[in-house]
Structures are given as structure tokens and as C-alpha cells.
């Protein structure tokens, strides 16, 4: 039951074009896990422009939250390639 347990993923945060040729075509912040690519969203964050996610581009992270087939809704972030993690 995922209502009580968080999903956890680890990967590299990159910017990638998604929805090419559709009304949703835009550059998005995604997580590349090596096996899959997940669109990232912060709970309560803007779906198309989120400065907090922009700051994670180029970083390796561990995320806790809720996963679907294509999207990861973030509750907590741990930056793995630096001494400090974002608040």
C-alpha cells in the first residue's frame, strides 16, 4: 500500500525536452535512473517552471516521494554528490 510508504529513487537530474510535437512540448527537469527517465515535480511546485528543481540539474540525488510510470512527485531530496542538501 503506497499510501503509507514512500517510493525511493536514485539518479542524475537532467534537463530534457518532453512531449515533442504536442501541446505539452517543453524542456523539463527529469531524473535519469539508468533504467528509466522520470519527469520530476515537487509537491505544490509549478509543473512547467520550478526554480528549486532547476537547482538540482547536473546533480546526483536520492528522492523520496510517489512514483508513477512517467512522473516522480518529490517529498524529500538528498543530494549525493555534495556535502550539503537543499532545504
PDB file of N, CA and C in Angstrom:
ATOM      1  N   UNK A   1       0.832  -1.186   0.000  1.00  0.00           N
ATOM      2  CA  UNK A   1       0.000   0.000   0.000  1.00  0.00           C
ATOM      3  C   UNK A   1       0.870   1.240   0.000  1.00  0.00           C
ATOM      4  N   UNK A   2       0.918   1.997  -1.084  1.00  0.00           N
ATOM      5  CA  UNK A   2       1.797   3.145  -1.181  1.00  0.00           C
ATOM      6  C   UNK A   2       1.251   4.382  -0.466  1.00  0.00           C
ATOM      7  N   UNK A   3       0.098   4.272   0.199  1.00  0.00           N
ATOM      8  CA  UNK A   3      -0.426   5.403   0.964  1.00  0.00           C
ATOM      9  C   UNK A   3       0.450   5.697   2.180  1.00  0.00           C
ATOM     10  N   UNK A   4       1.126   4.698   2.722  1.00  0.00           N
ATOM     11  CA  UNK A   4       1.922   4.900   3.917  1.00  0.00           C
ATOM     12  C   UNK A   4       3.423   4.833   3.646  1.00  0.00           C
ATOM     13  N   UNK A   5       3.841   4.224   2.550  1.00  0.00           N
ATOM     14  CA  UNK A   5       5.262   4.082   2.254  1.00  0.00           C
ATOM     15  C   UNK A   5       5.641   4.966   1.076  1.00  0.00           C
ATOM     16  N   UNK A   6       6.814   5.584   1.187  1.00  0.00           N
ATOM     17  CA  UNK A   6       7.328   6.401   0.093  1.00  0.00           C
ATOM     18  C   UNK A   6       8.114   5.539  -0.874  1.00  0.00           C
ATOM     19  N   UNK A   7       8.100   5.940  -2.132  1.00  0.00           N
ATOM     20  CA  UNK A   7       8.991   5.346  -3.123  1.00  0.00           C
ATOM     21  C   UNK A   7      10.324   6.066  -3.014  1.00  0.00           C
ATOM     22  N   UNK A   8      11.416   5.363  -3.318  1.00  0.00           N
ATOM     23  CA  UNK A   8      12.749   5.951  -3.291  1.00  0.00           C
ATOM     24  C   UNK A   8      13.423   5.653  -4.617  1.00  0.00           C
ATOM     25  N   UNK A   9      14.010   6.693  -5.237  1.00  0.00           N
ATOM     26  CA  UNK A   9      14.763   6.527  -6.479  1.00  0.00           C
ATOM     27  C   UNK A   9      16.076   7.284  -6.361  1.00  0.00           C
ATOM     28  N   UNK A  10      17.080   6.801  -7.093  1.00  0.00           N
ATOM     29  CA  UNK A  10      18.384   7.455  -7.131  1.00  0.00           C
ATOM     30  C   UNK A  10      18.760   7.629  -8.593  1.00  0.00           C
ATOM     31  N   UNK A  11      19.312   8.808  -8.929  1.00  0.00           N
ATOM     32  CA  UNK A  11      19.734   9.032 -10.305  1.00  0.00           C
ATOM     33  C   UNK A  11      20.281  10.409 -10.510  1.00  0.00           C
ATOM     34  N   UNK A  12      20.488  10.750 -11.779  1.00  0.00           N
ATOM     35  CA  UNK A  12      21.047  12.036 -12.179  1.00  0.00           C
ATOM     36  C   UNK A  12      19.934  12.944 -12.684  1.00  0.00           C
ATOM     37  N   UNK A  13      19.919  14.183 -12.210  1.00  0.00           N
ATOM     38  CA  UNK A  13      18.911  15.156 -12.629  1.00  0.00           C
ATOM     39  C   UNK A  13      19.428  15.873 -13.874  1.00  0.00           C
ATOM     40  N   UNK A  14      18.627  15.844 -14.940  1.00  0.00           N
ATOM     41  CA  UNK A  14      18.995  16.470 -16.213  1.00  0.00           C
ATOM     42  C   UNK A  14      17.793  17.232 -16.768  1.00  0.00           C
ATOM     43  N   UNK A  15      18.079  18.110 -17.723  1.00  0.00           N
ATOM     44  CA  UNK A  15      17.012  18.818 -18.433  1.00  0.00           C
ATOM     45  C   UNK A  15      16.834  18.126 -19.778  1.00  0.00           C
ATOM     46  N   UNK A  16      15.574  17.845 -20.133  1.00  0.00           N
ATOM     47  CA  UNK A  16      15.294  17.103 -21.358  1.00  0.00           C
ATOM     48  C   UNK A  16      13.994  17.613 -21.978  1.00  0.00           C
ATOM     49  N   UNK A  17      13.938  17.617 -23.303  1.00  0.00           N
ATOM     50  CA  UNK A  17      12.712  18.003 -23.999  1.00  0.00           C
ATOM     51  C   UNK A  17      11.726  16.849 -23.917  1.00  0.00           C
ATOM     52  N   UNK A  18      10.502  17.156 -23.512  1.00  0.00           N
ATOM     53  CA  UNK A  18       9.457  16.134 -23.445  1.00  0.00           C
ATOM     54  C   UNK A  18       8.236  16.604 -24.225  1.00  0.00           C
ATOM     55  N   UNK A  19       7.427  15.672 -24.648  1.00  0.00           N
ATOM     56  CA  UNK A  19       6.192  15.996 -25.361  1.00  0.00           C
ATOM     57  C   UNK A  19       6.426  16.618 -26.712  1.00  0.00           C
ATOM     58  N   UNK A  20       7.534  16.280 -27.379  1.00  0.00           N
ATOM     59  CA  UNK A  20       7.868  16.895 -28.671  1.00  0.00           C
ATOM     60  C   UNK A  20       6.705  16.775 -29.651  1.00  0.00           C
ATOM     61  N   UNK A  21       6.344  17.896 -30.264  1.00  0.00           N
ATOM     62  CA  UNK A  21       5.277  17.924 -31.253  1.00  0.00           C
ATOM     63  C   UNK A  21       3.871  18.015 -30.684  1.00  0.00           C
ATOM     64  N   UNK A  22       3.757  18.044 -29.354  1.00  0.00           N
ATOM     65  CA  UNK A  22       2.430  18.128 -28.741  1.00  0.00           C
ATOM     66  C   UNK A  22       2.252  19.497 -28.065  1.00  0.00           C
ATOM     67  N   UNK A  23       1.070  19.737 -27.532  1.00  0.00           N
ATOM     68  CA  UNK A  23       0.831  20.980 -26.793  1.00  0.00           C
ATOM     69  C   UNK A  23       1.671  21.041 -25.520  1.00  0.00           C
ATOM     70  N   UNK A  24       2.113  19.876 -25.042  1.00  0.00           N
ATOM     71  CA  UNK A  24       2.914  19.803 -23.809  1.00  0.00           C
ATOM     72  C   UNK A  24       4.414  19.893 -24.068  1.00  0.00           C
ATOM     73  N   UNK A  25       4.834  20.152 -25.314  1.00  0.00           N
ATOM     74  CA  UNK A  25       6.249  20.217 -25.682  1.00  0.00           C
ATOM     75  C   UNK A  25       6.959  21.297 -24.864  1.00  0.00           C
ATOM     76  N   UNK A  26       7.946  20.878 -24.057  1.00  0.00           N
ATOM     77  CA  UNK A  26       8.744  21.826 -23.283  1.00  0.00           C
ATOM     78  C   UNK A  26       9.983  21.139 -22.723  1.00  0.00           C
ATOM     79  N   UNK A  27      10.946  21.943 -22.283  1.00  0.00           N
ATOM     80  CA  UNK A  27      12.101  21.416 -21.586  1.00  0.00           C
ATOM     81  C   UNK A  27      11.687  21.164 -20.150  1.00  0.00           C
ATOM     82  N   UNK A  28      12.000  19.977 -19.649  1.00  0.00           N
ATOM     83  CA  UNK A  28      11.594  19.604 -18.293  1.00  0.00           C
ATOM     84  C   UNK A  28      12.788  19.082 -17.513  1.00  0.00           C
ATOM     85  N   UNK A  29      12.675  19.123 -16.201  1.00  0.00           N
ATOM     86  CA  UNK A  29      13.681  18.550 -15.322  1.00  0.00           C
ATOM     87  C   UNK A  29      13.256  17.111 -15.051  1.00  0.00           C
ATOM     88  N   UNK A  30      14.165  16.163 -15.373  1.00  0.00           N
ATOM     89  CA  UNK A  30      13.852  14.745 -15.225  1.00  0.00           C
ATOM     90  C   UNK A  30      14.954  14.047 -14.447  1.00  0.00           C
ATOM     91  N   UNK A  31      14.640  12.860 -13.950  1.00  0.00           N
ATOM     92  CA  UNK A  31      15.615  12.019 -13.264  1.00  0.00           C
ATOM     93  C   UNK A  31      15.942  10.844 -14.167  1.00  0.00           C
ATOM     94  N   UNK A  32      17.232  10.672 -14.463  1.00  0.00           N
ATOM     95  CA  UNK A  32      17.707   9.531 -15.237  1.00  0.00           C
ATOM     96  C   UNK A  32      18.258   8.513 -14.252  1.00  0.00           C
ATOM     97  N   UNK A  33      17.558   7.393 -14.082  1.00  0.00           N
ATOM     98  CA  UNK A  33      17.985   6.374 -13.119  1.00  0.00           C
ATOM     99  C   UNK A  33      18.923   5.354 -13.749  1.00  0.00           C
ATOM    100  N   UNK A  34      19.106   5.450 -15.063  1.00  0.00           N
ATOM    101  CA  UNK A  34      19.874   4.446 -15.785  1.00  0.00           C
ATOM    102  C   UNK A  34      18.964   3.394 -16.398  1.00  0.00           C
ATOM    103  N   UNK A  35      17.819   3.153 -15.787  1.00  0.00           N
ATOM    104  CA  UNK A  35      16.823   2.212 -16.313  1.00  0.00           C
ATOM    105  C   UNK A  35      15.600   2.923 -16.861  1.00  0.00           C
ATOM    106  N   UNK A  36      15.312   4.102 -16.312  1.00  0.00           N
ATOM    107  CA  UNK A  36      14.132   4.848 -16.742  1.00  0.00           C
ATOM    108  C   UNK A  36      14.368   6.337 -16.544  1.00  0.00           C
ATOM    109  N   UNK A  37      13.528   7.121 -17.200  1.00  0.00           N
ATOM    110  CA  UNK A  37      13.556   8.570 -17.064  1.00  0.00           C
ATOM    111  C   UNK A  37      12.213   8.997 -16.489  1.00  0.00           C
ATOM    112  N   UNK A  38      12.268   9.734 -15.373  1.00  0.00           N
ATOM    113  CA  UNK A  38      11.047  10.174 -14.694  1.00  0.00           C
ATOM    114  C   UNK A  38      10.961  11.691 -14.690  1.00  0.00           C
ATOM    115  N   UNK A  39       9.842  12.235 -15.101  1.00  0.00           N
ATOM    116  CA  UNK A  39       9.574  13.657 -15.004  1.00  0.00           C
ATOM    117  C   UNK A  39       9.485  14.014 -13.528  1.00  0.00           C
ATOM    118  N   UNK A  40      10.187  15.066 -13.108  1.00  0.00           N
ATOM    119  CA  UNK A  40      10.191  15.438 -11.689  1.00  0.00           C
ATOM    120  C   UNK A  40       9.229  16.583 -11.417  1.00  0.00           C
ATOM    121  N   UNK A  41       8.516  16.455 -10.308  1.00  0.00           N
ATOM    122  CA  UNK A  41       7.644  17.518  -9.808  1.00  0.00           C
ATOM    123  C   UNK A  41       7.749  17.543  -8.304  1.00  0.00           C
ATOM    124  N   UNK A  42       7.774  18.744  -7.751  1.00  0.00           N
ATOM    125  CA  UNK A  42       7.715  18.883  -6.294  1.00  0.00           C
ATOM    126  C   UNK A  42       6.265  19.016  -5.895  1.00  0.00           C
ATOM    127  N   UNK A  43       5.907  18.407  -4.777  1.00  0.00           N
ATOM    128  CA  UNK A  43       4.544  18.543  -4.268  1.00  0.00           C
ATOM    129  C   UNK A  43       4.290  20.033  -4.032  1.00  0.00           C
ATOM    130  N   UNK A  44       3.294  20.590  -4.701  1.00  0.00           N
ATOM    131  CA  UNK A  44       2.976  22.005  -4.570  1.00  0.00           C
ATOM    132  C   UNK A  44       3.779  22.905  -5.498  1.00  0.00           C
ATOM    133  N   UNK A  45       4.703  22.327  -6.267  1.00  0.00           N
ATOM    134  CA  UNK A  45       5.526  23.128  -7.179  1.00  0.00           C
ATOM    135  C   UNK A  45       4.859  23.306  -8.525  1.00  0.00           C
ATOM    136  N   UNK A  46       5.356  24.268  -9.299  1.00  0.00           N
ATOM    137  CA  UNK A  46       4.841  24.538 -10.633  1.00  0.00           C
ATOM    138  C   UNK A  46       5.258  23.404 -11.567  1.00  0.00           C
ATOM    139  N   UNK A  47       4.343  22.916 -12.385  1.00  0.00           N
ATOM    140  CA  UNK A  47       4.614  21.779 -13.273  1.00  0.00           C
ATOM    141  C   UNK A  47       5.536  22.136 -14.435  1.00  0.00           C
ATOM    142  N   UNK A  48       5.593  23.420 -14.831  1.00  0.00           N
ATOM    143  CA  UNK A  48       6.385  23.794 -16.000  1.00  0.00           C
ATOM    144  C   UNK A  48       7.637  24.589 -15.670  1.00  0.00           C
ATOM    145  N   UNK A  49       7.711  25.224 -14.524  1.00  0.00           N
ATOM    146  CA  UNK A  49       8.894  26.009 -14.158  1.00  0.00           C
ATOM    147  C   UNK A  49       9.031  26.016 -12.641  1.00  0.00           C
ATOM    148  N   UNK A  50      10.045  25.324 -12.130  1.00  0.00           N
ATOM    149  CA  UNK A  50      10.245  25.242 -10.691  1.00  0.00           C
ATOM    150  C   UNK A  50      11.712  25.513 -10.384  1.00  0.00           C
ATOM    151  N   UNK A  51      12.030  26.708  -9.873  1.00  0.00           N
ATOM    152  CA  UNK A  51      13.420  27.066  -9.594  1.00  0.00           C
ATOM    153  C   UNK A  51      14.132  26.086  -8.662  1.00  0.00           C
ATOM    154  N   UNK A  52      13.409  25.477  -7.725  1.00  0.00           N
ATOM    155  CA  UNK A  52      14.031  24.513  -6.814  1.00  0.00           C
ATOM    156  C   UNK A  52      14.519  23.282  -7.581  1.00  0.00           C
ATOM    157  N   UNK A  53      13.769  22.842  -8.583  1.00  0.00           N
ATOM    158  CA  UNK A  53      14.204  21.712  -9.404  1.00  0.00           C
ATOM    159  C   UNK A  53      15.344  22.113 -10.329  1.00  0.00           C
ATOM    160  N   UNK A  54      15.294  23.346 -10.845  1.00  0.00           N
ATOM    161  CA  UNK A  54      16.369  23.837 -11.711  1.00  0.00           C
ATOM    162  C   UNK A  54      17.719  23.766 -11.010  1.00  0.00           C
ATOM    163  N   UNK A  55      17.742  24.014  -9.703  1.00  0.00           N
ATOM    164  CA  UNK A  55      18.982  23.980  -8.938  1.00  0.00           C
ATOM    165  C   UNK A  55      19.574  22.576  -8.832  1.00  0.00           C
ATOM    166  N   UNK A  56      18.772  21.556  -9.063  1.00  0.00           N
ATOM    167  CA  UNK A  56      19.239  20.171  -8.965  1.00  0.00           C
ATOM    168  C   UNK A  56      19.819  19.631 -10.269  1.00  0.00           C
ATOM    169  N   UNK A  57      19.632  20.353 -11.380  1.00  0.00           N
ATOM    170  CA  UNK A  57      20.139  19.893 -12.675  1.00  0.00           C
ATOM    171  C   UNK A  57      21.659  19.726 -12.589  1.00  0.00           C
ATOM    172  N   UNK A  58      22.128  18.556 -13.046  1.00  0.00           N
ATOM    173  CA  UNK A  58      23.549  18.241 -13.013  1.00  0.00           C
ATOM    174  C   UNK A  58      23.994  17.538 -11.741  1.00  0.00           C
ATOM    175  N   UNK A  59      23.070  17.295 -10.826  1.00  0.00           N
ATOM    176  CA  UNK A  59      23.395  16.652  -9.543  1.00  0.00           C
ATOM    177  C   UNK A  59      22.908  15.211  -9.520  1.00  0.00           C
ATOM    178  N   UNK A  60      23.544  14.389  -8.713  1.00  0.00           N
ATOM    179  CA  UNK A  60      23.068  13.022  -8.433  1.00  0.00           C
ATOM    180  C   UNK A  60      22.297  13.095  -7.126  1.00  0.00           C
ATOM    181  N   UNK A  61      21.093  12.555  -7.113  1.00  0.00           N
ATOM    182  CA  UNK A  61      20.210  12.710  -5.960  1.00  0.00           C
ATOM    183  C   UNK A  61      19.526  11.404  -5.574  1.00  0.00           C
ATOM    184  N   UNK A  62      19.058  11.380  -4.341  1.00  0.00           N
ATOM    185  CA  UNK A  62      18.166  10.330  -3.826  1.00  0.00           C
ATOM    186  C   UNK A  62      16.865  11.043  -3.501  1.00  0.00           C
ATOM    187  N   UNK A  63      15.765  10.555  -4.087  1.00  0.00           N
ATOM    188  CA  UNK A  63      14.472  11.203  -3.905  1.00  0.00           C
ATOM    189  C   UNK A  63      13.508  10.266  -3.196  1.00  0.00           C
ATOM    190  N   UNK A  64      12.706  10.827  -2.321  1.00  0.00           N
ATOM    191  CA  UNK A  64      11.615  10.101  -1.683  1.00  0.00           C
ATOM    192  C   UNK A  64      10.322  10.775  -2.103  1.00  0.00           C
ATOM    193  N   UNK A  65       9.303   9.986  -2.398  1.00  0.00           N
ATOM    194  CA  UNK A  65       8.028  10.543  -2.811  1.00  0.00           C
ATOM    195  C   UNK A  65       7.128   9.485  -3.395  1.00  0.00           C
ATOM    196  N   UNK A  66       6.391   9.863  -4.449  1.00  0.00           N
ATOM    197  CA  UNK A  66       5.423   8.977  -5.073  1.00  0.00           C
ATOM    198  C   UNK A  66       5.747   8.842  -6.553  1.00  0.00           C
ATOM    199  N   UNK A  67       5.935   7.597  -7.008  1.00  0.00           N
ATOM    200  CA  UNK A  67       6.265   7.332  -8.406  1.00  0.00           C
ATOM    201  C   UNK A  67       5.050   6.840  -9.177  1.00  0.00           C
ATOM    202  N   UNK A  68       4.959   7.299 -10.437  1.00  0.00           N
ATOM    203  CA  UNK A  68       4.031   6.708 -11.401  1.00  0.00           C
ATOM    204  C   UNK A  68       4.908   6.141 -12.513  1.00  0.00           C
ATOM    205  N   UNK A  69       4.316   5.724 -13.608  1.00  0.00           N
ATOM    206  CA  UNK A  69       5.107   5.189 -14.718  1.00  0.00           C
ATOM    207  C   UNK A  69       6.032   6.239 -15.334  1.00  0.00           C
ATOM    208  N   UNK A  70       5.621   7.516 -15.306  1.00  0.00           N
ATOM    209  CA  UNK A  70       6.393   8.552 -16.004  1.00  0.00           C
ATOM    210  C   UNK A  70       6.826   9.718 -15.126  1.00  0.00           C
ATOM    211  N   UNK A  71       6.257   9.850 -13.937  1.00  0.00           N
ATOM    212  CA  UNK A  71       6.483  11.032 -13.102  1.00  0.00           C
ATOM    213  C   UNK A  71       6.874  10.631 -11.688  1.00  0.00           C
ATOM    214  N   UNK A  72       7.708  11.476 -11.058  1.00  0.00           N
ATOM    215  CA  UNK A  72       8.032  11.268  -9.648  1.00  0.00           C
ATOM    216  C   UNK A  72       7.675  12.545  -8.904  1.00  0.00           C
ATOM    217  N   UNK A  73       6.752  12.443  -7.959  1.00  0.00           N
ATOM    218  CA  UNK A  73       6.305  13.561  -7.132  1.00  0.00           C
ATOM    219  C   UNK A  73       7.154  13.563  -5.866  1.00  0.00           C
ATOM    220  N   UNK A  74       7.991  14.584  -5.713  1.00  0.00           N
ATOM    221  CA  UNK A  74       9.031  14.617  -4.684  1.00  0.00           C
ATOM    222  C   UNK A  74       8.513  15.135  -3.350  1.00  0.00           C
ATOM    223  N   UNK A  75       8.840  14.380  -2.286  1.00  0.00           N
ATOM    224  CA  UNK A  75       8.606  14.823  -0.913  1.00  0.00           C
ATOM    225  C   UNK A  75       9.914  15.231  -0.237  1.00  0.00           C
ATOM    226  N   UNK A  76      11.014  14.531  -0.551  1.00  0.00           N
ATOM    227  CA  UNK A  76      12.308  14.812   0.088  1.00  0.00           C
ATOM    228  C   UNK A  76      13.438  14.556  -0.894  1.00  0.00           C
ATOM    229  N   UNK A  77      14.496  15.408  -0.810  1.00  0.00           N
ATOM    230  CA  UNK A  77      15.661  15.320  -1.691  1.00  0.00           C
ATOM    231  C   UNK A  77      16.917  15.206  -0.851  1.00  0.00           C
ATOM    232  N   UNK A  78      17.798  14.281  -1.237  1.00  0.00           N
ATOM    233  CA  UNK A  78      19.142  14.217  -0.674  1.00  0.00           C
ATOM    234  C   UNK A  78      20.113  14.300  -1.839  1.00  0.00           C
ATOM    235  N   UNK A  79      20.971  15.347  -1.859  1.00  0.00           N
ATOM    236  CA  UNK A  79      21.979  15.481  -2.905  1.00  0.00           C
ATOM    237  C   UNK A  79      23.135  14.579  -2.522  1.00  0.00           C
ATOM    238  N   UNK A  80      23.518  13.692  -3.445  1.00  0.00           N
ATOM    239  CA  UNK A  80      24.542  12.694  -3.153  1.00  0.00           C
ATOM    240  C   UNK A  80      25.940  13.117  -3.588  1.00  0.00           C
ATOM    241  N   UNK A  81      26.049  14.124  -4.455  1.00  0.00           N
ATOM    242  CA  UNK A  81      27.367  14.497  -4.948  1.00  0.00           C
ATOM    243  C   UNK A  81      27.920  15.772  -4.316  1.00  0.00           C
ATOM    244  N   UNK A  82      27.366  16.175  -3.186  1.00  0.00           N
ATOM    245  CA  UNK A  82      27.853  17.378  -2.482  1.00  0.00           C
ATOM    246  C   UNK A  82      27.630  17.205  -0.990  1.00  0.00           C
ATOM    247  N   UNK A  83      28.327  17.996  -0.207  1.00  0.00           N
ATOM    248  CA  UNK A  83      28.230  17.891   1.247  1.00  0.00           C
ATOM    249  C   UNK A  83      26.933  18.423   1.809  1.00  0.00           C
ATOM    250  N   UNK A  84      26.246  19.298   1.076  1.00  0.00           N
ATOM    251  CA  UNK A  84      25.009  19.925   1.581  1.00  0.00           C
ATOM    252  C   UNK A  84      23.833  19.462   0.763  1.00  0.00           C
ATOM    253  N   UNK A  85      22.710  19.294   1.397  1.00  0.00           N
ATOM    254  CA  UNK A  85      21.474  19.001   0.671  1.00  0.00           C
ATOM    255  C   UNK A  85      20.564  20.213   0.782  1.00  0.00           C
ATOM    256  N   UNK A  86      19.727  20.450  -0.247  1.00  0.00           N
ATOM    257  CA  UNK A  86      18.845  21.609  -0.226  1.00  0.00           C
ATOM    258  C   UNK A  86      17.813  21.486   0.896  1.00  0.00           C
ATOM    259  N   UNK A  87      17.334  22.611   1.389  1.00  0.00           N
ATOM    260  CA  UNK A  87      16.337  22.583   2.482  1.00  0.00           C
ATOM    261  C   UNK A  87      15.023  21.979   2.057  1.00  0.00           C
TER     262      UNK A  87
END
